[in-house]
Amino acid sequence: MKTVPSTVFRQAIASEGFTLLLPALDKNINCPSRSWLKNDFSAYMKDAMMPGFEEAADCDEWAFFARVMASRSNGLSGSNVGVAFAIVWITIYESTFNGIPGPGLHVTNAVLLDDGTLIAYEPQTQTFADFKTAADRGDISLDCALY
């Protein structure tokens, strides 16, 4: 993982268009690789799925759980800094975003990758999406970020 000042993560979230930012206290953060997120972490999240739950059920719990598990993994790797994994609130309009159907408020994750790309990570479907493209199309609005 690549370590950067947490202000880099804040700038990435703000430049994406989130309107309310609630920053964590970490001075520096680790940015995971796309490979780690796509393979190792997503496999773990898939194994952690609760049988019988719809994909849209309990999105806030899944977003918080994914954030905690990303931090745990980061810590187990020997890191003493936080991880660039945020909990974000979005509004999905009539479309589907990252495998989650609209309309309605949805809580998911934003991850700043080691290449500087900010992506949406959906812990319930283990999929990735681009916030800006979806927001520019009017599919979603970017509301609040807790990181």
C-alpha atoms as a PDB file:
ATOM      1  CA  MET A   1       0.000   0.000   0.000  1.00  0.00           C
ATOM      2  CA  LYS A   2       1.126   3.513  -0.764  1.00  0.00           C
ATOM      3  CA  THR A   3       1.179   5.997   2.152  1.00  0.00           C
ATOM      4  CA  VAL A   4      -0.022   9.573   1.510  1.00  0.00           C
ATOM      5  CA  PRO A   5      -1.125  12.500   3.724  1.00  0.00           C
ATOM      6  CA  SER A   6      -4.824  12.205   4.579  1.00  0.00           C
ATOM      7  CA  THR A   7      -5.346  15.616   2.953  1.00  0.00           C
ATOM      8  CA  VAL A   8      -4.812  13.879  -0.412  1.00  0.00           C
ATOM      9  CA  PHE A   9      -7.811  11.643   0.332  1.00  0.00           C
ATOM     10  CA  ARG A  10      -9.880  14.649   1.443  1.00  0.00           C
ATOM     11  CA  GLN A  11      -9.024  16.504  -1.777  1.00  0.00           C
ATOM     12  CA  ALA A  12      -9.964  13.471  -3.896  1.00  0.00           C
ATOM     13  CA  ILE A  13     -13.340  13.148  -2.158  1.00  0.00           C
ATOM     14  CA  ALA A  14     -14.061  16.887  -2.410  1.00  0.00           C
ATOM     15  CA  SER A  15     -13.021  17.094  -6.052  1.00  0.00           C
ATOM     16  CA  GLU A  16     -15.338  14.189  -6.837  1.00  0.00           C
ATOM     17  CA  GLY A  17     -18.260  16.333  -5.670  1.00  0.00           C
ATOM     18  CA  PHE A  18     -19.258  15.193  -2.183  1.00  0.00           C
ATOM     19  CA  THR A  19     -20.944  18.114  -0.439  1.00  0.00           C
ATOM     20  CA  LEU A  20     -20.275  17.293   3.227  1.00  0.00           C
ATOM     21  CA  LEU A  21     -16.953  15.914   4.440  1.00  0.00           C
ATOM     22  CA  LEU A  22     -16.416  14.527   7.932  1.00  0.00           C
ATOM     23  CA  PRO A  23     -12.685  13.776   8.199  1.00  0.00           C
ATOM     24  CA  ALA A  24     -11.054  11.192  10.405  1.00  0.00           C
ATOM     25  CA  LEU A  25      -8.087  12.069  12.588  1.00  0.00           C
ATOM     26  CA  ASP A  26      -5.451  10.136  10.650  1.00  0.00           C
ATOM     27  CA  LYS A  27      -2.484  12.243   9.564  1.00  0.00           C
ATOM     28  CA  ASN A  28      -1.382   9.737   6.927  1.00  0.00           C
ATOM     29  CA  ILE A  29      -3.254   6.929   5.190  1.00  0.00           C
ATOM     30  CA  ASN A  30      -2.473   3.888   3.093  1.00  0.00           C
ATOM     31  CA  CYS A  31      -3.978   3.605  -0.376  1.00  0.00           C
ATOM     32  CA  PRO A  32      -4.633  -0.012  -1.402  1.00  0.00           C
ATOM     33  CA  SER A  33      -3.965  -1.429  -4.835  1.00  0.00           C
ATOM     34  CA  ARG A  34      -6.819  -2.260  -7.212  1.00  0.00           C
ATOM     35  CA  SER A  35      -5.571  -5.870  -7.200  1.00  0.00           C
ATOM     36  CA  TRP A  36      -5.853  -6.151  -3.388  1.00  0.00           C
ATOM     37  CA  LEU A  37      -9.320  -4.607  -3.392  1.00  0.00           C
ATOM     38  CA  LYS A  38     -10.566  -6.690  -6.328  1.00  0.00           C
ATOM     39  CA  ASN A  39      -9.080 -10.015  -5.229  1.00  0.00           C
ATOM     40  CA  ASP A  40      -8.164 -10.427  -1.560  1.00  0.00           C
ATOM     41  CA  PHE A  41     -10.565  -7.954   0.008  1.00  0.00           C
ATOM     42  CA  SER A  42     -13.533  -8.709  -2.247  1.00  0.00           C
ATOM     43  CA  ALA A  43     -13.125 -12.452  -1.654  1.00  0.00           C
ATOM     44  CA  TYR A  44     -13.238 -11.793   2.075  1.00  0.00           C
ATOM     45  CA  MET A  45     -16.357  -9.604   1.769  1.00  0.00           C
ATOM     46  CA  LYS A  46     -18.082 -12.216  -0.397  1.00  0.00           C
ATOM     47  CA  ASP A  47     -17.394 -14.880   2.234  1.00  0.00           C
ATOM     48  CA  ALA A  48     -18.767 -12.553   4.932  1.00  0.00           C
ATOM     49  CA  MET A  49     -22.147 -12.070   3.207  1.00  0.00           C
ATOM     50  CA  MET A  50     -25.131 -12.881   5.372  1.00  0.00           C
ATOM     51  CA  PRO A  51     -27.397 -15.488   3.756  1.00  0.00           C
ATOM     52  CA  GLY A  52     -30.964 -14.393   3.129  1.00  0.00           C
ATOM     53  CA  PHE A  53     -30.302 -10.658   2.984  1.00  0.00           C
ATOM     54  CA  GLU A  54     -31.259  -8.691  -0.101  1.00  0.00           C
ATOM     55  CA  GLU A  55     -28.445  -6.726  -1.713  1.00  0.00           C
ATOM     56  CA  ALA A  56     -29.929  -3.390  -0.670  1.00  0.00           C
ATOM     57  CA  ALA A  57     -30.591  -4.484   2.928  1.00  0.00           C
ATOM     58  CA  ASP A  58     -28.501  -2.905   5.650  1.00  0.00           C
ATOM     59  CA  CYS A  59     -26.218  -0.949   3.331  1.00  0.00           C
ATOM     60  CA  ASP A  60     -24.988   1.234   6.177  1.00  0.00           C
ATOM     61  CA  GLU A  61     -23.877  -1.782   8.220  1.00  0.00           C
ATOM     62  CA  TRP A  62     -22.064  -3.242   5.213  1.00  0.00           C
ATOM     63  CA  ALA A  63     -20.288   0.051   4.444  1.00  0.00           C
ATOM     64  CA  PHE A  64     -19.144   0.418   8.062  1.00  0.00           C
ATOM     65  CA  PHE A  65     -18.153  -3.278   8.220  1.00  0.00           C
ATOM     66  CA  ALA A  66     -16.097  -2.966   5.028  1.00  0.00           C
ATOM     67  CA  ARG A  67     -14.356   0.133   6.414  1.00  0.00           C
ATOM     68  CA  VAL A  68     -13.497  -1.657   9.654  1.00  0.00           C
ATOM     69  CA  MET A  69     -12.286  -4.778   7.852  1.00  0.00           C
ATOM     70  CA  ALA A  70     -10.105  -2.710   5.506  1.00  0.00           C
ATOM     71  CA  SER A  71      -8.574  -1.002   8.564  1.00  0.00           C
ATOM     72  CA  ARG A  72      -8.049  -4.341  10.263  1.00  0.00           C
ATOM     73  CA  SER A  73      -6.300  -5.772   7.208  1.00  0.00           C
ATOM     74  CA  ASN A  74      -4.169  -2.645   6.950  1.00  0.00           C
ATOM     75  CA  GLY A  75      -3.177  -2.987  10.606  1.00  0.00           C
ATOM     76  CA  LEU A  76      -2.435  -6.703  10.321  1.00  0.00           C
ATOM     77  CA  SER A  77      -0.002  -5.871   7.537  1.00  0.00           C
ATOM     78  CA  GLY A  78       2.033  -3.977  10.124  1.00  0.00           C
ATOM     79  CA  SER A  79       0.899  -0.493   9.205  1.00  0.00           C
ATOM     80  CA  ASN A  80       0.613   2.183  11.864  1.00  0.00           C
ATOM     81  CA  VAL A  81      -1.457   4.590   9.713  1.00  0.00           C
ATOM     82  CA  GLY A  82      -5.089   4.578   8.561  1.00  0.00           C
ATOM     83  CA  VAL A  83      -6.476   3.338   5.268  1.00  0.00           C
ATOM     84  CA  ALA A  84      -8.006   5.374   2.402  1.00  0.00           C
ATOM     85  CA  PHE A  85     -11.433   3.743   2.736  1.00  0.00           C
ATOM     86  CA  ALA A  86     -14.399   6.062   3.365  1.00  0.00           C
ATOM     87  CA  ILE A  87     -18.069   5.561   4.159  1.00  0.00           C
ATOM     88  CA  VAL A  88     -20.177   7.664   1.803  1.00  0.00           C
ATOM     89  CA  TRP A  89     -23.839   8.530   1.470  1.00  0.00           C
ATOM     90  CA  ILE A  90     -25.262   8.891  -2.016  1.00  0.00           C
ATOM     91  CA  THR A  91     -28.713   9.198  -3.516  1.00  0.00           C
ATOM     92  CA  ILE A  92     -29.457   6.760  -6.322  1.00  0.00           C
ATOM     93  CA  TYR A  93     -32.165   7.976  -8.662  1.00  0.00           C
ATOM     94  CA  GLU A  94     -34.116   5.701 -11.012  1.00  0.00           C
ATOM     95  CA  SER A  95     -31.045   3.778 -12.163  1.00  0.00           C
ATOM     96  CA  THR A  96     -28.874   1.091 -10.619  1.00  0.00           C
ATOM     97  CA  PHE A  97     -25.468   2.016  -9.213  1.00  0.00           C
ATOM     98  CA  ASN A  98     -22.769  -0.568  -8.572  1.00  0.00           C
ATOM     99  CA  GLY A  99     -25.357  -3.353  -8.534  1.00  0.00           C
ATOM    100  CA  ILE A 100     -27.716  -1.577  -6.127  1.00  0.00           C
ATOM    101  CA  PRO A 101     -31.120  -0.495  -7.470  1.00  0.00           C
ATOM    102  CA  GLY A 102     -32.586   2.981  -6.981  1.00  0.00           C
ATOM    103  CA  PRO A 103     -34.329   5.097  -6.123  1.00  0.00           C
ATOM    104  CA  GLY A 104     -33.224   6.009  -2.631  1.00  0.00           C
ATOM    105  CA  LEU A 105     -30.470   6.892  -0.230  1.00  0.00           C
ATOM    106  CA  HIS A 106     -27.567   4.430  -0.187  1.00  0.00           C
ATOM    107  CA  VAL A 107     -24.439   4.057   1.933  1.00  0.00           C
ATOM    108  CA  THR A 108     -21.368   2.578   0.256  1.00  0.00           C
ATOM    109  CA  ASN A 109     -17.577   3.009   0.256  1.00  0.00           C
ATOM    110  CA  ALA A 110     -15.115   5.274  -1.534  1.00  0.00           C
ATOM    111  CA  VAL A 111     -11.540   4.056  -1.852  1.00  0.00           C
ATOM    112  CA  LEU A 112      -8.491   6.036  -2.930  1.00  0.00           C
ATOM    113  CA  LEU A 113      -6.275   3.589  -4.802  1.00  0.00           C
ATOM    114  CA  ASP A 114      -2.498   3.665  -4.853  1.00  0.00           C
ATOM    115  CA  ASP A 115      -2.598   5.063  -8.398  1.00  0.00           C
ATOM    116  CA  GLY A 116      -4.567   8.138  -7.199  1.00  0.00           C
ATOM    117  CA  THR A 117      -7.962   6.985  -8.538  1.00  0.00           C
ATOM    118  CA  LEU A 118     -11.016   7.421  -6.292  1.00  0.00           C
ATOM    119  CA  ILE A 119     -13.530   4.634  -6.884  1.00  0.00           C
ATOM    120  CA  ALA A 120     -16.848   3.500  -5.462  1.00  0.00           C
ATOM    121  CA  TYR A 121     -16.585   0.074  -3.841  1.00  0.00           C
ATOM    122  CA  GLU A 122     -19.827  -1.771  -3.094  1.00  0.00           C
ATOM    123  CA  PRO A 123     -19.234  -4.296  -0.289  1.00  0.00           C
ATOM    124  CA  GLN A 124     -22.556  -6.060  -0.913  1.00  0.00           C
ATOM    125  CA  THR A 125     -21.772  -6.871  -4.560  1.00  0.00           C
ATOM    126  CA  GLN A 126     -17.954  -6.579  -4.562  1.00  0.00           C
ATOM    127  CA  THR A 127     -18.161  -4.272  -7.589  1.00  0.00           C
ATOM    128  CA  PHE A 128     -16.458  -1.009  -8.538  1.00  0.00           C
ATOM    129  CA  ALA A 129     -17.785   2.122 -10.209  1.00  0.00           C
ATOM    130  CA  ASP A 130     -16.824   5.681 -11.023  1.00  0.00           C
ATOM    131  CA  PHE A 131     -18.707   8.253  -8.925  1.00  0.00           C
ATOM    132  CA  LYS A 132     -18.112  11.168 -11.277  1.00  0.00           C
ATOM    133  CA  THR A 133     -19.430   9.452 -14.411  1.00  0.00           C
ATOM    134  CA  ALA A 134     -22.622   8.377 -12.628  1.00  0.00           C
ATOM    135  CA  ALA A 135     -23.089  11.822 -11.053  1.00  0.00           C
ATOM    136  CA  ASP A 136     -22.506  13.585 -14.376  1.00  0.00           C
ATOM    137  CA  ARG A 137     -25.177  11.369 -15.986  1.00  0.00           C
ATOM    138  CA  GLY A 138     -27.597  12.281 -13.179  1.00  0.00           C
ATOM    139  CA  ASP A 139     -27.809   8.693 -11.923  1.00  0.00           C
ATOM    140  CA  ILE A 140     -26.649   9.619  -8.413  1.00  0.00           C
ATOM    141  CA  SER A 141     -25.901  12.576  -6.184  1.00  0.00           C
ATOM    142  CA  LEU A 142     -22.888  12.609  -3.883  1.00  0.00           C
ATOM    143  CA  ASP A 143     -24.004  13.634  -0.439  1.00  0.00           C
ATOM    144  CA  CYS A 144     -21.743  12.980   2.557  1.00  0.00           C
ATOM    145  CA  ALA A 145     -18.378  11.339   3.241  1.00  0.00           C
ATOM    146  CA  LEU A 146     -17.024  10.029   6.537  1.00  0.00           C
ATOM    147  CA  TYR A 147     -13.409   8.969   6.262  1.00  0.00           C
END
